[in-house]
Amino acid sequence: MELHDDPCPRLKSITCDGSGEHMQGHASNTPAATLLYPLILGSSGIRLISLLPGSFEQDIHCEIAVYDLSSRPDYKAAPYTWADEAGNVDPCRTLLVSGQSLRITRNCENALRRIRNPRDVRVIWIDAVCINQDDVDERGHQV
């Protein structure tokens, strides 16, 4: 099985929701970002994704929700590296998060494809999706 895709083009900008809002790479502090990244309240909050079932080849769909770590949610952390073998970290793949498009790296997509179960939902934490990468404060707090 081939583990790497052909190189993908760099993303200039994409339309999030048809409203004229644009994002580069990840959602930012726009109304669309608020929907994509539910607010985390308290220091023990964390976003997790429910990776929906599908075959390896199908588009990747997930739902995102906030959990309280003190309730000990059952989840797995996804191991992967942001950069591919060539050092490319460009968000050039699409993940559908709660019906909205989010651009992710090729390695993130490959990790999600391998983790996804064809029949069952898997709850996971993956930094590129669960942390708003455009929010410097959140990145510092969540890592």
Protein backbone atom coordinates (compact mmCIF):
# COMPACT_ATOMS: atom_id res chain seq x y z
CA MET A 1 0.00 0.00 0.00
CA GLU A 2 1.36 3.43 -0.94
CA LEU A 3 1.56 5.65 2.13
CA HIS A 4 2.24 8.99 0.47
CA ASP A 5 0.21 11.07 -1.96
CA ASP A 6 1.52 13.11 -4.86
CA PRO A 7 2.61 16.63 -3.87
CA CYS A 8 -0.34 18.96 -3.46
CA PRO A 9 -0.59 22.61 -4.47
CA ARG A 10 -0.29 25.42 -1.96
CA LEU A 11 -3.58 26.87 -0.75
CA LYS A 12 -4.02 30.60 -1.26
CA SER A 13 -7.44 30.90 0.38
CA ILE A 14 -10.75 29.07 0.42
CA THR A 15 -14.30 30.09 1.12
CA CYS A 16 -15.55 28.75 4.44
CA ASP A 17 -19.28 29.15 4.19
CA GLY A 18 -20.19 31.09 1.09
CA SER A 19 -20.52 34.33 3.08
CA GLY A 20 -17.34 35.81 1.68
CA GLU A 21 -15.32 34.89 4.78
CA HIS A 22 -11.97 33.40 3.80
CA MET A 23 -9.41 31.48 5.75
CA GLN A 24 -5.81 30.55 5.17
CA GLY A 25 -5.10 27.04 6.33
CA HIS A 26 -7.26 26.85 9.44
CA ALA A 27 -10.35 28.66 10.67
CA SER A 28 -9.73 31.98 12.39
CA ASN A 29 -11.78 34.21 14.67
CA THR A 30 -14.71 34.44 12.27
CA PRO A 31 -18.31 33.34 12.86
CA ALA A 32 -17.43 30.15 10.94
CA ALA A 33 -14.50 29.53 13.30
CA THR A 34 -16.82 29.89 16.30
CA LEU A 35 -19.00 27.11 14.90
CA LEU A 36 -16.01 24.96 14.02
CA TYR A 37 -14.26 25.46 17.35
CA PRO A 38 -16.75 25.30 20.24
CA LEU A 39 -15.70 27.46 23.18
CA ILE A 40 -13.67 25.68 25.86
CA LEU A 41 -14.67 26.74 29.36
CA GLY A 42 -12.39 26.10 32.31
CA SER A 43 -8.85 24.80 32.47
CA SER A 44 -9.83 21.13 32.17
CA GLY A 45 -11.73 21.47 28.89
CA ILE A 46 -10.54 19.85 25.70
CA ARG A 47 -11.93 19.45 22.20
CA LEU A 48 -12.14 15.93 20.82
CA ILE A 49 -13.31 14.73 17.45
CA SER A 50 -15.61 11.83 16.73
CA LEU A 51 -14.09 10.36 13.59
CA LEU A 52 -17.01 8.97 11.63
CA PRO A 53 -16.80 5.52 10.03
CA GLY A 54 -15.70 5.14 6.44
CA SER A 55 -13.46 3.23 4.09
CA PHE A 56 -9.88 4.34 3.52
CA GLU A 57 -10.76 5.99 0.20
CA GLN A 58 -13.86 7.92 1.34
CA ASP A 59 -13.85 11.58 2.37
CA ILE A 60 -13.08 12.05 6.06
CA HIS A 61 -15.93 13.36 8.22
CA CYS A 62 -15.87 14.11 11.93
CA GLU A 63 -17.79 15.97 14.61
CA ILE A 64 -16.08 18.14 17.22
CA ALA A 65 -17.18 18.63 20.83
CA VAL A 66 -15.80 19.93 24.13
CA TYR A 67 -15.17 17.44 26.93
CA ASP A 68 -14.14 17.96 30.55
CA LEU A 69 -10.97 16.00 31.29
CA SER A 70 -12.08 15.53 34.90
CA SER A 71 -14.86 13.26 33.56
CA ARG A 72 -12.11 11.06 32.04
CA PRO A 73 -13.46 10.82 28.49
CA ASP A 74 -12.41 7.72 26.55
CA TYR A 75 -10.24 8.88 23.64
CA LYS A 76 -6.95 8.23 21.89
CA ALA A 77 -4.34 10.78 20.85
CA ALA A 78 -3.35 10.50 17.19
CA PRO A 79 0.41 10.14 16.64
CA TYR A 80 1.75 11.77 13.48
CA THR A 81 4.11 14.50 12.31
CA TRP A 82 2.96 17.69 10.63
CA ALA A 83 5.62 17.60 7.91
CA ASP A 84 5.86 15.00 5.19
CA GLU A 85 9.16 13.49 4.02
CA ALA A 86 9.90 16.61 1.95
CA GLY A 87 9.24 18.92 4.92
CA ASN A 88 5.93 20.15 3.50
CA VAL A 89 3.51 21.42 6.17
CA ASP A 90 1.08 23.15 3.80
CA PRO A 91 -2.58 22.47 4.59
CA CYS A 92 -3.57 20.98 1.23
CA ARG A 93 -6.18 18.36 2.15
CA THR A 94 -9.78 18.82 3.25
CA LEU A 95 -11.40 17.43 6.38
CA LEU A 96 -15.14 17.90 6.96
CA VAL A 97 -15.64 18.95 10.59
CA SER A 98 -19.29 19.21 11.61
CA GLY A 99 -20.11 19.89 7.96
CA GLN A 100 -17.47 22.62 7.51
CA SER A 101 -14.27 22.31 5.49
CA LEU A 102 -10.98 22.50 7.36
CA ARG A 103 -7.65 22.34 5.54
CA ILE A 104 -5.15 19.90 7.03
CA THR A 105 -1.71 18.61 6.08
CA ARG A 106 -1.20 15.50 3.99
CA ASN A 107 0.26 13.66 7.01
CA CYS A 108 -2.72 14.59 9.18
CA GLU A 109 -5.06 13.23 6.52
CA ASN A 110 -3.05 10.01 6.24
CA ALA A 111 -3.12 9.54 10.03
CA LEU A 112 -6.90 10.04 10.14
CA ARG A 113 -7.42 7.58 7.27
CA ARG A 114 -5.41 4.92 9.10
CA ILE A 115 -7.10 5.54 12.46
CA ARG A 116 -10.63 5.58 11.04
CA ASN A 117 -12.69 2.45 11.57
CA PRO A 118 -14.95 1.33 8.70
CA ARG A 119 -17.86 0.56 11.07
CA ASP A 120 -17.45 2.44 14.35
CA VAL A 121 -16.93 6.02 15.52
CA ARG A 122 -13.53 6.69 17.08
CA VAL A 123 -13.04 9.54 19.55
CA ILE A 124 -9.60 11.07 19.15
CA TRP A 125 -7.50 14.11 19.92
CA ILE A 126 -5.37 15.40 17.06
CA ASP A 127 -3.76 18.80 17.53
CA ALA A 128 -4.24 20.11 13.99
CA VAL A 129 -8.02 19.72 14.31
CA CYS A 130 -8.79 20.01 18.02
CA ILE A 131 -6.79 23.20 18.58
CA ASN A 132 -7.60 26.39 16.69
CA GLN A 133 -4.22 26.85 15.03
CA ASP A 134 -4.94 30.53 14.29
CA ASP A 135 -5.46 31.34 17.98
CA VAL A 136 -2.01 31.86 19.54
CA ASP A 137 -3.36 31.92 23.11
CA GLU A 138 -5.27 28.67 22.61
CA ARG A 139 -2.28 26.96 21.02
CA GLY A 140 -0.16 27.91 24.02
CA HIS A 141 -2.75 26.72 26.53
CA GLN A 142 -3.78 23.45 24.87
CA VAL A 143 -0.33 22.06 24.08
